[in-house]
Every structure is written in C-alpha cells, then in structure tokens.
C-alpha cells in the first residue's frame, strides 16, 4: 500500500476530531489510533518532493481541491509515473475522489 507522507497525520486528525465530537467514544478512538499505527507501519510513504509539489500546484488549477488533497493526489500520480490507469485510489472525500477519477485512477470510495 502506498500513501502520501501526510496521510497518517490526516487520519489521526480525523479520528481525534470524531472523538472530540462524540461520534467515537474514548475506547473506540484509542483502538482506531492503534489500528492506524499498525497500518502505517506496513505502508510505503511517498515523501514530499519538488515533483509532488509541482504536480499538486497543477492539480489545484484544474480541480476544486484543498491543499492536502492536492498533495495526496499528486503523490499518487508521481508514484505511478503519471500512468494511473488500472491503479486503485482509496478515499472517502467526494472532491478528491472525483479529481482522482478524472486523473485516471480507479477510485475505491
């Protein structure tokens, strides 16, 4: 599994927010964070590089994305050498999923 360098932080942010908002109780939040730690120890990260930054800037011009989402999609495009056809892209964000699909990824929602 490939993931953007910032994905662990984004996931932890979302899980902690759900805990603060009461959508997850304390035990569930802790378990989810532990699961995230386990997952992150097994994935490969695409790091912040100039090509990722350049691609993210282009993506922001053509898709209605937030900065972190543009960086995530840019990292995915760099990871597959700009040939996304046949590669899955998993996300739960509608705008990011739409952009990934338009860029040629097979989106897993």
PDB file of N, CA and C in Angstrom:
ATOM      1  N   UNK A   1       0.839  -1.168   0.000  1.00  0.00           N
ATOM      2  CA  UNK A   1       0.000   0.000   0.000  1.00  0.00           C
ATOM      3  C   UNK A   1       0.891   1.239   0.000  1.00  0.00           C
ATOM      4  N   UNK A   2       0.615   2.140  -0.921  1.00  0.00           N
ATOM      5  CA  UNK A   2       1.310   3.420  -0.993  1.00  0.00           C
ATOM      6  C   UNK A   2       0.419   4.498  -0.418  1.00  0.00           C
ATOM      7  N   UNK A   3       1.026   5.427   0.273  1.00  0.00           N
ATOM      8  CA  UNK A   3       0.258   6.533   0.827  1.00  0.00           C
ATOM      9  C   UNK A   3       1.118   7.792   0.857  1.00  0.00           C
ATOM     10  N   UNK A   4       0.454   8.904   0.864  1.00  0.00           N
ATOM     11  CA  UNK A   4       1.118  10.195   0.932  1.00  0.00           C
ATOM     12  C   UNK A   4       1.734  10.369   2.312  1.00  0.00           C
ATOM     13  N   UNK A   5       2.835  11.066   2.392  1.00  0.00           N
ATOM     14  CA  UNK A   5       3.570  11.313   3.618  1.00  0.00           C
ATOM     15  C   UNK A   5       2.674  11.876   4.727  1.00  0.00           C
ATOM     16  N   UNK A   6       1.715  12.702   4.398  1.00  0.00           N
ATOM     17  CA  UNK A   6       0.854  13.327   5.403  1.00  0.00           C
ATOM     18  C   UNK A   6      -0.383  12.533   5.770  1.00  0.00           C
ATOM     19  N   UNK A   7      -0.573  11.363   5.172  1.00  0.00           N
ATOM     20  CA  UNK A   7      -1.804  10.598   5.409  1.00  0.00           C
ATOM     21  C   UNK A   7      -1.994  10.194   6.862  1.00  0.00           C
ATOM     22  N   UNK A   8      -0.932   9.799   7.535  1.00  0.00           N
ATOM     23  CA  UNK A   8      -1.046   9.385   8.934  1.00  0.00           C
ATOM     24  C   UNK A   8      -1.547  10.545   9.794  1.00  0.00           C
ATOM     25  N   UNK A   9      -1.037  11.735   9.545  1.00  0.00           N
ATOM     26  CA  UNK A   9      -1.471  12.915  10.292  1.00  0.00           C
ATOM     27  C   UNK A   9      -2.927  13.245   9.979  1.00  0.00           C
ATOM     28  N   UNK A  10      -3.304  13.161   8.691  1.00  0.00           N
ATOM     29  CA  UNK A  10      -4.693  13.430   8.316  1.00  0.00           C
ATOM     30  C   UNK A  10      -5.648  12.435   8.979  1.00  0.00           C
ATOM     31  N   UNK A  11      -5.280  11.163   8.983  1.00  0.00           N
ATOM     32  CA  UNK A  11      -6.131  10.140   9.602  1.00  0.00           C
ATOM     33  C   UNK A  11      -6.243  10.359  11.105  1.00  0.00           C
ATOM     34  N   UNK A  12      -5.119  10.636  11.761  1.00  0.00           N
ATOM     35  CA  UNK A  12      -5.142  10.886  13.203  1.00  0.00           C
ATOM     36  C   UNK A  12      -5.989  12.110  13.526  1.00  0.00           C
ATOM     37  N   UNK A  13      -5.898  13.123  12.683  1.00  0.00           N
ATOM     38  CA  UNK A  13      -6.715  14.323  12.875  1.00  0.00           C
ATOM     39  C   UNK A  13      -8.202  13.982  12.813  1.00  0.00           C
ATOM     40  N   UNK A  14      -8.582  13.216  11.812  1.00  0.00           N
ATOM     41  CA  UNK A  14      -9.999  12.857  11.652  1.00  0.00           C
ATOM     42  C   UNK A  14     -10.481  12.000  12.821  1.00  0.00           C
ATOM     43  N   UNK A  15      -9.684  11.039  13.241  1.00  0.00           N
ATOM     44  CA  UNK A  15     -10.092  10.170  14.350  1.00  0.00           C
ATOM     45  C   UNK A  15     -10.229  10.943  15.655  1.00  0.00           C
ATOM     46  N   UNK A  16      -9.273  11.825  15.923  1.00  0.00           N
ATOM     47  CA  UNK A  16      -9.362  12.628  17.141  1.00  0.00           C
ATOM     48  C   UNK A  16     -10.537  13.596  17.101  1.00  0.00           C
ATOM     49  N   UNK A  17     -10.825  14.154  15.923  1.00  0.00           N
ATOM     50  CA  UNK A  17     -11.989  15.038  15.786  1.00  0.00           C
ATOM     51  C   UNK A  17     -13.273  14.270  16.072  1.00  0.00           C
ATOM     52  N   UNK A  18     -13.391  13.048  15.531  1.00  0.00           N
ATOM     53  CA  UNK A  18     -14.572  12.223  15.799  1.00  0.00           C
ATOM     54  C   UNK A  18     -14.698  11.924  17.289  1.00  0.00           C
ATOM     55  N   UNK A  19     -13.588  11.715  17.954  1.00  0.00           N
ATOM     56  CA  UNK A  19     -13.617  11.501  19.394  1.00  0.00           C
ATOM     57  C   UNK A  19     -14.078  12.736  20.144  1.00  0.00           C
ATOM     58  N   UNK A  20     -13.556  13.897  19.782  1.00  0.00           N
ATOM     59  CA  UNK A  20     -13.958  15.148  20.435  1.00  0.00           C
ATOM     60  C   UNK A  20     -15.424  15.456  20.207  1.00  0.00           C
ATOM     61  N   UNK A  21     -15.922  15.135  19.013  1.00  0.00           N
ATOM     62  CA  UNK A  21     -17.321  15.423  18.674  1.00  0.00           C
ATOM     63  C   UNK A  21     -18.291  14.394  19.249  1.00  0.00           C
ATOM     64  N   UNK A  22     -17.765  13.307  19.818  1.00  0.00           N
ATOM     65  CA  UNK A  22     -18.622  12.293  20.418  1.00  0.00           C
ATOM     66  C   UNK A  22     -19.081  11.208  19.459  1.00  0.00           C
ATOM     67  N   UNK A  23     -18.629  11.238  18.229  1.00  0.00           N
ATOM     68  CA  UNK A  23     -19.003  10.194  17.275  1.00  0.00           C
ATOM     69  C   UNK A  23     -18.297   8.883  17.610  1.00  0.00           C
ATOM     70  N   UNK A  24     -17.154   8.971  18.276  1.00  0.00           N
ATOM     71  CA  UNK A  24     -16.443   7.804  18.789  1.00  0.00           C
ATOM     72  C   UNK A  24     -16.227   8.000  20.287  1.00  0.00           C
ATOM     73  N   UNK A  25     -16.425   6.939  21.063  1.00  0.00           N
ATOM     74  CA  UNK A  25     -16.107   7.049  22.485  1.00  0.00           C
ATOM     75  C   UNK A  25     -14.596   6.928  22.670  1.00  0.00           C
ATOM     76  N   UNK A  26     -14.125   7.123  23.894  1.00  0.00           N
ATOM     77  CA  UNK A  26     -12.697   7.127  24.155  1.00  0.00           C
ATOM     78  C   UNK A  26     -12.039   5.819  23.727  1.00  0.00           C
ATOM     79  N   UNK A  27     -12.640   4.695  24.112  1.00  0.00           N
ATOM     80  CA  UNK A  27     -12.052   3.385  23.793  1.00  0.00           C
ATOM     81  C   UNK A  27     -11.984   3.163  22.284  1.00  0.00           C
ATOM     82  N   UNK A  28     -13.031   3.557  21.577  1.00  0.00           N
ATOM     83  CA  UNK A  28     -13.047   3.391  20.122  1.00  0.00           C
ATOM     84  C   UNK A  28     -12.020   4.282  19.449  1.00  0.00           C
ATOM     85  N   UNK A  29     -11.860   5.497  19.952  1.00  0.00           N
ATOM     86  CA  UNK A  29     -10.858   6.404  19.405  1.00  0.00           C
ATOM     87  C   UNK A  29      -9.466   5.826  19.605  1.00  0.00           C
ATOM     88  N   UNK A  30      -9.188   5.339  20.810  1.00  0.00           N
ATOM     89  CA  UNK A  30      -7.882   4.746  21.098  1.00  0.00           C
ATOM     90  C   UNK A  30      -7.622   3.519  20.230  1.00  0.00           C
ATOM     91  N   UNK A  31      -8.637   2.684  20.049  1.00  0.00           N
ATOM     92  CA  UNK A  31      -8.473   1.492  19.214  1.00  0.00           C
ATOM     93  C   UNK A  31      -8.206   1.882  17.764  1.00  0.00           C
ATOM     94  N   UNK A  32      -8.942   2.874  17.272  1.00  0.00           N
ATOM     95  CA  UNK A  32      -8.733   3.330  15.891  1.00  0.00           C
ATOM     96  C   UNK A  32      -7.331   3.906  15.712  1.00  0.00           C
ATOM     97  N   UNK A  33      -6.844   4.662  16.692  1.00  0.00           N
ATOM     98  CA  UNK A  33      -5.490   5.206  16.606  1.00  0.00           C
ATOM     99  C   UNK A  33      -4.447   4.093  16.657  1.00  0.00           C
ATOM    100  N   UNK A  34      -4.688   3.073  17.447  1.00  0.00           N
ATOM    101  CA  UNK A  34      -3.792   1.916  17.480  1.00  0.00           C
ATOM    102  C   UNK A  34      -3.806   1.187  16.139  1.00  0.00           C
ATOM    103  N   UNK A  35      -5.002   1.034  15.554  1.00  0.00           N
ATOM    104  CA  UNK A  35      -5.106   0.407  14.232  1.00  0.00           C
ATOM    105  C   UNK A  35      -4.360   1.221  13.180  1.00  0.00           C
ATOM    106  N   UNK A  36      -4.472   2.535  13.276  1.00  0.00           N
ATOM    107  CA  UNK A  36      -3.742   3.413  12.350  1.00  0.00           C
ATOM    108  C   UNK A  36      -2.239   3.194  12.490  1.00  0.00           C
ATOM    109  N   UNK A  37      -1.770   3.073  13.712  1.00  0.00           N
ATOM    110  CA  UNK A  37      -0.342   2.839  13.942  1.00  0.00           C
ATOM    111  C   UNK A  37       0.103   1.527  13.303  1.00  0.00           C
ATOM    112  N   UNK A  38      -0.717   0.493  13.446  1.00  0.00           N
ATOM    113  CA  UNK A  38      -0.406  -0.800  12.843  1.00  0.00           C
ATOM    114  C   UNK A  38      -0.371  -0.702  11.326  1.00  0.00           C
ATOM    115  N   UNK A  39      -1.380  -0.067  10.751  1.00  0.00           N
ATOM    116  CA  UNK A  39      -1.423   0.099   9.292  1.00  0.00           C
ATOM    117  C   UNK A  39      -0.227   0.895   8.789  1.00  0.00           C
ATOM    118  N   UNK A  40       0.071   1.983   9.473  1.00  0.00           N
ATOM    119  CA  UNK A  40       1.128   2.861   8.986  1.00  0.00           C
ATOM    120  C   UNK A  40       2.505   2.200   9.045  1.00  0.00           C
ATOM    121  N   UNK A  41       2.662   1.221   9.909  1.00  0.00           N
ATOM    122  CA  UNK A  41       3.954   0.529   9.971  1.00  0.00           C
ATOM    123  C   UNK A  41       4.157  -0.392   8.765  1.00  0.00           C
ATOM    124  N   UNK A  42       3.064  -0.672   8.041  1.00  0.00           N
ATOM    125  CA  UNK A  42       3.149  -1.587   6.904  1.00  0.00           C
ATOM    126  C   UNK A  42       3.070  -0.889   5.549  1.00  0.00           C
ATOM    127  N   UNK A  43       2.716   0.390   5.524  1.00  0.00           N
ATOM    128  CA  UNK A  43       2.586   1.037   4.224  1.00  0.00           C
ATOM    129  C   UNK A  43       3.882   1.731   3.816  1.00  0.00           C
ATOM    130  N   UNK A  44       3.963   2.061   2.522  1.00  0.00           N
ATOM    131  CA  UNK A  44       5.093   2.798   1.976  1.00  0.00           C
ATOM    132  C   UNK A  44       4.636   4.226   1.746  1.00  0.00           C
ATOM    133  N   UNK A  45       5.429   5.176   2.203  1.00  0.00           N
ATOM    134  CA  UNK A  45       5.064   6.581   2.076  1.00  0.00           C
ATOM    135  C   UNK A  45       5.744   7.228   0.868  1.00  0.00           C
ATOM    136  N   UNK A  46       4.977   8.051   0.171  1.00  0.00           N
ATOM    137  CA  UNK A  46       5.520   8.896  -0.884  1.00  0.00           C
ATOM    138  C   UNK A  46       5.852  10.229  -0.211  1.00  0.00           C
ATOM    139  N   UNK A  47       7.108  10.609  -0.231  1.00  0.00           N
ATOM    140  CA  UNK A  47       7.554  11.787   0.510  1.00  0.00           C
ATOM    141  C   UNK A  47       7.369  13.086  -0.269  1.00  0.00           C
ATOM    142  N   UNK A  48       7.436  14.163   0.466  1.00  0.00           N
ATOM    143  CA  UNK A  48       7.329  15.494  -0.111  1.00  0.00           C
ATOM    144  C   UNK A  48       8.575  15.781  -0.943  1.00  0.00           C
ATOM    145  N   UNK A  49       8.387  15.970  -2.229  1.00  0.00           N
ATOM    146  CA  UNK A  49       9.486  16.271  -3.157  1.00  0.00           C
ATOM    147  C   UNK A  49       9.048  17.402  -4.073  1.00  0.00           C
ATOM    148  N   UNK A  50       9.980  17.969  -4.788  1.00  0.00           N
ATOM    149  CA  UNK A  50       9.635  19.033  -5.736  1.00  0.00           C
ATOM    150  C   UNK A  50       8.649  18.546  -6.802  1.00  0.00           C
ATOM    151  N   UNK A  51       8.826  17.339  -7.382  1.00  0.00           N
ATOM    152  CA  UNK A  51       7.837  16.883  -8.363  1.00  0.00           C
ATOM    153  C   UNK A  51       6.422  16.748  -7.776  1.00  0.00           C
ATOM    154  N   UNK A  52       6.310  16.312  -6.534  1.00  0.00           N
ATOM    155  CA  UNK A  52       4.988  16.218  -5.898  1.00  0.00           C
ATOM    156  C   UNK A  52       4.405  17.618  -5.740  1.00  0.00           C
ATOM    157  N   UNK A  53       5.211  18.550  -5.298  1.00  0.00           N
ATOM    158  CA  UNK A  53       4.748  19.927  -5.138  1.00  0.00           C
ATOM    159  C   UNK A  53       4.305  20.522  -6.479  1.00  0.00           C
ATOM    160  N   UNK A  54       5.110  20.317  -7.516  1.00  0.00           N
ATOM    161  CA  UNK A  54       4.769  20.847  -8.842  1.00  0.00           C
ATOM    162  C   UNK A  54       3.455  20.258  -9.345  1.00  0.00           C
ATOM    163  N   UNK A  55       3.286  18.957  -9.183  1.00  0.00           N
ATOM    164  CA  UNK A  55       2.058  18.303  -9.635  1.00  0.00           C
ATOM    165  C   UNK A  55       0.869  18.808  -8.826  1.00  0.00           C
ATOM    166  N   UNK A  56       1.037  18.992  -7.523  1.00  0.00           N
ATOM    167  CA  UNK A  56      -0.052  19.497  -6.676  1.00  0.00           C
ATOM    168  C   UNK A  56      -0.489  20.890  -7.117  1.00  0.00           C
ATOM    169  N   UNK A  57       0.467  21.727  -7.472  1.00  0.00           N
ATOM    170  CA  UNK A  57       0.125  23.072  -7.943  1.00  0.00           C
ATOM    171  C   UNK A  57      -0.708  23.004  -9.213  1.00  0.00           C
ATOM    172  N   UNK A  58      -0.363  22.087 -10.126  1.00  0.00           N
ATOM    173  CA  UNK A  58      -1.167  21.926 -11.349  1.00  0.00           C
ATOM    174  C   UNK A  58      -2.567  21.437 -10.998  1.00  0.00           C
ATOM    175  N   UNK A  59      -2.651  20.462 -10.098  1.00  0.00           N
ATOM    176  CA  UNK A  59      -3.955  19.903  -9.719  1.00  0.00           C
ATOM    177  C   UNK A  59      -4.861  20.967  -9.106  1.00  0.00           C
ATOM    178  N   UNK A  60      -4.287  21.882  -8.346  1.00  0.00           N
ATOM    179  CA  UNK A  60      -5.093  22.952  -7.744  1.00  0.00           C
ATOM    180  C   UNK A  60      -5.668  23.891  -8.794  1.00  0.00           C
ATOM    181  N   UNK A  61      -5.008  23.986  -9.954  1.00  0.00           N
ATOM    182  CA  UNK A  61      -5.532  24.837 -11.028  1.00  0.00           C
ATOM    183  C   UNK A  61      -6.710  24.199 -11.756  1.00  0.00           C
ATOM    184  N   UNK A  62      -6.769  22.861 -11.755  1.00  0.00           N
ATOM    185  CA  UNK A  62      -7.787  22.200 -12.576  1.00  0.00           C
ATOM    186  C   UNK A  62      -8.860  21.459 -11.781  1.00  0.00           C
ATOM    187  N   UNK A  63      -8.690  21.309 -10.476  1.00  0.00           N
ATOM    188  CA  UNK A  63      -9.677  20.615  -9.646  1.00  0.00           C
ATOM    189  C   UNK A  63      -9.968  21.435  -8.391  1.00  0.00           C
ATOM    190  N   UNK A  64     -11.194  21.390  -7.880  1.00  0.00           N
ATOM    191  CA  UNK A  64     -11.525  22.116  -6.640  1.00  0.00           C
ATOM    192  C   UNK A  64     -11.071  21.327  -5.401  1.00  0.00           C
ATOM    193  N   UNK A  65      -9.760  21.309  -5.172  1.00  0.00           N
ATOM    194  CA  UNK A  65      -9.177  20.528  -4.075  1.00  0.00           C
ATOM    195  C   UNK A  65      -8.603  21.435  -3.002  1.00  0.00           C
ATOM    196  N   UNK A  66      -8.550  20.911  -1.785  1.00  0.00           N
ATOM    197  CA  UNK A  66      -7.807  21.553  -0.706  1.00  0.00           C
ATOM    198  C   UNK A  66      -6.332  21.181  -0.884  1.00  0.00           C
ATOM    199  N   UNK A  67      -5.465  21.936  -0.255  1.00  0.00           N
ATOM    200  CA  UNK A  67      -4.022  21.735  -0.427  1.00  0.00           C
ATOM    201  C   UNK A  67      -3.596  20.311  -0.099  1.00  0.00           C
ATOM    202  N   UNK A  68      -4.013  19.791   1.052  1.00  0.00           N
ATOM    203  CA  UNK A  68      -3.595  18.439   1.453  1.00  0.00           C
ATOM    204  C   UNK A  68      -4.101  17.389   0.468  1.00  0.00           C
ATOM    205  N   UNK A  69      -5.309  17.580  -0.059  1.00  0.00           N
ATOM    206  CA  UNK A  69      -5.846  16.632  -1.032  1.00  0.00           C
ATOM    207  C   UNK A  69      -5.065  16.691  -2.346  1.00  0.00           C
ATOM    208  N   UNK A  70      -4.685  17.890  -2.749  1.00  0.00           N
ATOM    209  CA  UNK A  70      -3.881  18.026  -3.969  1.00  0.00           C
ATOM    210  C   UNK A  70      -2.527  17.345  -3.798  1.00  0.00           C
ATOM    211  N   UNK A  71      -1.930  17.478  -2.629  1.00  0.00           N
ATOM    212  CA  UNK A  71      -0.657  16.812  -2.368  1.00  0.00           C
ATOM    213  C   UNK A  71      -0.812  15.299  -2.371  1.00  0.00           C
ATOM    214  N   UNK A  72      -1.909  14.812  -1.802  1.00  0.00           N
ATOM    215  CA  UNK A  72      -2.148  13.363  -1.785  1.00  0.00           C
ATOM    216  C   UNK A  72      -2.306  12.823  -3.202  1.00  0.00           C
ATOM    217  N   UNK A  73      -3.109  13.482  -4.002  1.00  0.00           N
ATOM    218  CA  UNK A  73      -3.318  13.038  -5.379  1.00  0.00           C
ATOM    219  C   UNK A  73      -2.034  13.179  -6.202  1.00  0.00           C
ATOM    220  N   UNK A  74      -1.297  14.259  -5.985  1.00  0.00           N
ATOM    221  CA  UNK A  74      -0.027  14.442  -6.692  1.00  0.00           C
ATOM    222  C   UNK A  74       0.946  13.322  -6.360  1.00  0.00           C
ATOM    223  N   UNK A  75       1.026  12.953  -5.094  1.00  0.00           N
ATOM    224  CA  UNK A  75       1.922  11.862  -4.687  1.00  0.00           C
ATOM    225  C   UNK A  75       1.524  10.563  -5.370  1.00  0.00           C
ATOM    226  N   UNK A  76       0.222  10.327  -5.473  1.00  0.00           N
ATOM    227  CA  UNK A  76      -0.247   9.112  -6.143  1.00  0.00           C
ATOM    228  C   UNK A  76       0.143   9.125  -7.616  1.00  0.00           C
ATOM    229  N   UNK A  77      -0.011  10.258  -8.272  1.00  0.00           N
ATOM    230  CA  UNK A  77       0.355  10.359  -9.689  1.00  0.00           C
ATOM    231  C   UNK A  77       1.860  10.146  -9.892  1.00  0.00           C
ATOM    232  N   UNK A  78       2.658  10.709  -9.018  1.00  0.00           N
ATOM    233  CA  UNK A  78       4.111  10.523  -9.110  1.00  0.00           C
ATOM    234  C   UNK A  78       4.467   9.056  -8.873  1.00  0.00           C
ATOM    235  N   UNK A  79       3.786   8.426  -7.923  1.00  0.00           N
ATOM    236  CA  UNK A  79       4.075   7.021  -7.582  1.00  0.00           C
ATOM    237  C   UNK A  79       3.822   6.078  -8.752  1.00  0.00           C
ATOM    238  N   UNK A  80       2.858   6.422  -9.600  1.00  0.00           N
ATOM    239  CA  UNK A  80       2.532   5.548 -10.741  1.00  0.00           C
ATOM    240  C   UNK A  80       3.091   6.106 -12.051  1.00  0.00           C
ATOM    241  N   UNK A  81       4.090   6.958 -11.937  1.00  0.00           N
ATOM    242  CA  UNK A  81       4.745   7.553 -13.107  1.00  0.00           C
ATOM    243  C   UNK A  81       3.749   8.203 -14.061  1.00  0.00           C
ATOM    244  N   UNK A  82       2.776   8.892 -13.494  1.00  0.00           N
ATOM    245  CA  UNK A  82       1.768   9.633 -14.277  1.00  0.00           C
ATOM    246  C   UNK A  82       0.913   8.727 -15.159  1.00  0.00           C
ATOM    247  N   UNK A  83       0.858   7.441 -14.839  1.00  0.00           N
ATOM    248  CA  UNK A  83       0.062   6.469 -15.601  1.00  0.00           C
ATOM    249  C   UNK A  83      -0.929   5.793 -14.650  1.00  0.00           C
ATOM    250  N   UNK A  84      -1.994   6.481 -14.224  1.00  0.00           N
ATOM    251  CA  UNK A  84      -2.880   5.964 -13.183  1.00  0.00           C
ATOM    252  C   UNK A  84      -3.863   4.878 -13.631  1.00  0.00           C
ATOM    253  N   UNK A  85      -4.016   4.684 -14.926  1.00  0.00           N
ATOM    254  CA  UNK A  85      -4.983   3.698 -15.414  1.00  0.00           C
ATOM    255  C   UNK A  85      -4.689   2.317 -14.824  1.00  0.00           C
ATOM    256  N   UNK A  86      -5.709   1.722 -14.205  1.00  0.00           N
ATOM    257  CA  UNK A  86      -5.569   0.399 -13.622  1.00  0.00           C
ATOM    258  C   UNK A  86      -5.130   0.398 -12.170  1.00  0.00           C
ATOM    259  N   UNK A  87      -4.773   1.554 -11.631  1.00  0.00           N
ATOM    260  CA  UNK A  87      -4.367   1.629 -10.236  1.00  0.00           C
ATOM    261  C   UNK A  87      -5.535   2.102  -9.373  1.00  0.00           C
ATOM    262  N   UNK A  88      -5.750   1.467  -8.225  1.00  0.00           N
ATOM    263  CA  UNK A  88      -6.823   1.904  -7.328  1.00  0.00           C
ATOM    264  C   UNK A  88      -6.388   3.114  -6.506  1.00  0.00           C
ATOM    265  N   UNK A  89      -7.358   3.946  -6.176  1.00  0.00           N
ATOM    266  CA  UNK A  89      -7.145   5.122  -5.330  1.00  0.00           C
ATOM    267  C   UNK A  89      -8.262   5.125  -4.305  1.00  0.00           C
ATOM    268  N   UNK A  90      -7.925   4.913  -3.048  1.00  0.00           N
ATOM    269  CA  UNK A  90      -8.939   4.834  -1.986  1.00  0.00           C
ATOM    270  C   UNK A  90      -9.044   6.164  -1.257  1.00  0.00           C
ATOM    271  N   UNK A  91     -10.276   6.634  -1.114  1.00  0.00           N
ATOM    272  CA  UNK A  91     -10.512   7.842  -0.321  1.00  0.00           C
ATOM    273  C   UNK A  91     -11.996   7.953   0.006  1.00  0.00           C
ATOM    274  N   UNK A  92     -12.297   8.790   0.991  1.00  0.00           N
ATOM    275  CA  UNK A  92     -13.686   8.988   1.400  1.00  0.00           C
ATOM    276  C   UNK A  92     -14.171  10.403   1.098  1.00  0.00           C
ATOM    277  N   UNK A  93     -13.330  11.217   0.498  1.00  0.00           N
ATOM    278  CA  UNK A  93     -13.672  12.602   0.191  1.00  0.00           C
ATOM    279  C   UNK A  93     -14.198  12.682  -1.243  1.00  0.00           C
ATOM    280  N   UNK A  94     -15.384  13.240  -1.409  1.00  0.00           N
ATOM    281  CA  UNK A  94     -16.027  13.279  -2.733  1.00  0.00           C
ATOM    282  C   UNK A  94     -15.240  14.088  -3.755  1.00  0.00           C
ATOM    283  N   UNK A  95     -14.742  15.258  -3.359  1.00  0.00           N
ATOM    284  CA  UNK A  95     -13.998  16.094  -4.308  1.00  0.00           C
ATOM    285  C   UNK A  95     -12.683  15.433  -4.712  1.00  0.00           C
ATOM    286  N   UNK A  96     -12.006  14.823  -3.743  1.00  0.00           N
ATOM    287  CA  UNK A  96     -10.750  14.137  -4.050  1.00  0.00           C
ATOM    288  C   UNK A  96     -11.017  12.919  -4.923  1.00  0.00           C
ATOM    289  N   UNK A  97     -12.085  12.184  -4.621  1.00  0.00           N
ATOM    290  CA  UNK A  97     -12.436  11.010  -5.440  1.00  0.00           C
ATOM    291  C   UNK A  97     -12.744  11.419  -6.873  1.00  0.00           C
ATOM    292  N   UNK A  98     -13.483  12.505  -7.041  1.00  0.00           N
ATOM    293  CA  UNK A  98     -13.817  12.981  -8.389  1.00  0.00           C
ATOM    294  C   UNK A  98     -12.553  13.377  -9.146  1.00  0.00           C
ATOM    295  N   UNK A  99     -11.650  14.100  -8.479  1.00  0.00           N
ATOM    296  CA  UNK A  99     -10.411  14.516  -9.131  1.00  0.00           C
ATOM    297  C   UNK A  99      -9.555  13.303  -9.486  1.00  0.00           C
ATOM    298  N   UNK A 100      -9.459  12.336  -8.572  1.00  0.00           N
ATOM    299  CA  UNK A 100      -8.665  11.130  -8.840  1.00  0.00           C
ATOM    300  C   UNK A 100      -9.239  10.364 -10.026  1.00  0.00           C
ATOM    301  N   UNK A 101     -10.549  10.294 -10.101  1.00  0.00           N
ATOM    302  CA  UNK A 101     -11.195   9.620 -11.219  1.00  0.00           C
ATOM    303  C   UNK A 101     -10.909  10.350 -12.529  1.00  0.00           C
ATOM    304  N   UNK A 102     -11.016  11.667 -12.520  1.00  0.00           N
ATOM    305  CA  UNK A 102     -10.735  12.453 -13.727  1.00  0.00           C
ATOM    306  C   UNK A 102      -9.277  12.332 -14.149  1.00  0.00           C
ATOM    307  N   UNK A 103      -8.387  12.108 -13.189  1.00  0.00           N
ATOM    308  CA  UNK A 103      -6.976  11.936 -13.497  1.00  0.00           C
ATOM    309  C   UNK A 103      -6.676  10.531 -13.999  1.00  0.00           C
ATOM    310  N   UNK A 104      -7.654   9.601 -13.889  1.00  0.00           N
ATOM    311  CA  UNK A 104      -7.494   8.279 -14.458  1.00  0.00           C
ATOM    312  C   UNK A 104      -7.396   7.114 -13.488  1.00  0.00           C
ATOM    313  N   UNK A 105      -7.473   7.393 -12.189  1.00  0.00           N
ATOM    314  CA  UNK A 105      -7.444   6.323 -11.196  1.00  0.00           C
ATOM    315  C   UNK A 105      -8.782   5.594 -11.123  1.00  0.00           C
ATOM    316  N   UNK A 106      -8.754   4.354 -10.697  1.00  0.00           N
ATOM    317  CA  UNK A 106      -9.951   3.598 -10.368  1.00  0.00           C
ATOM    318  C   UNK A 106     -10.223   3.878  -8.888  1.00  0.00           C
ATOM    319  N   UNK A 107     -11.259   4.642  -8.593  1.00  0.00           N
ATOM    320  CA  UNK A 107     -11.497   5.125  -7.226  1.00  0.00           C
ATOM    321  C   UNK A 107     -12.269   4.082  -6.413  1.00  0.00           C
ATOM    322  N   UNK A 108     -11.759   3.845  -5.206  1.00  0.00           N
ATOM    323  CA  UNK A 108     -12.427   2.984  -4.216  1.00  0.00           C
ATOM    324  C   UNK A 108     -12.919   3.925  -3.131  1.00  0.00           C
ATOM    325  N   UNK A 109     -14.222   4.078  -3.033  1.00  0.00           N
ATOM    326  CA  UNK A 109     -14.797   5.005  -2.038  1.00  0.00           C
ATOM    327  C   UNK A 109     -14.939   4.326  -0.694  1.00  0.00           C
TER     328      UNK A 109
END
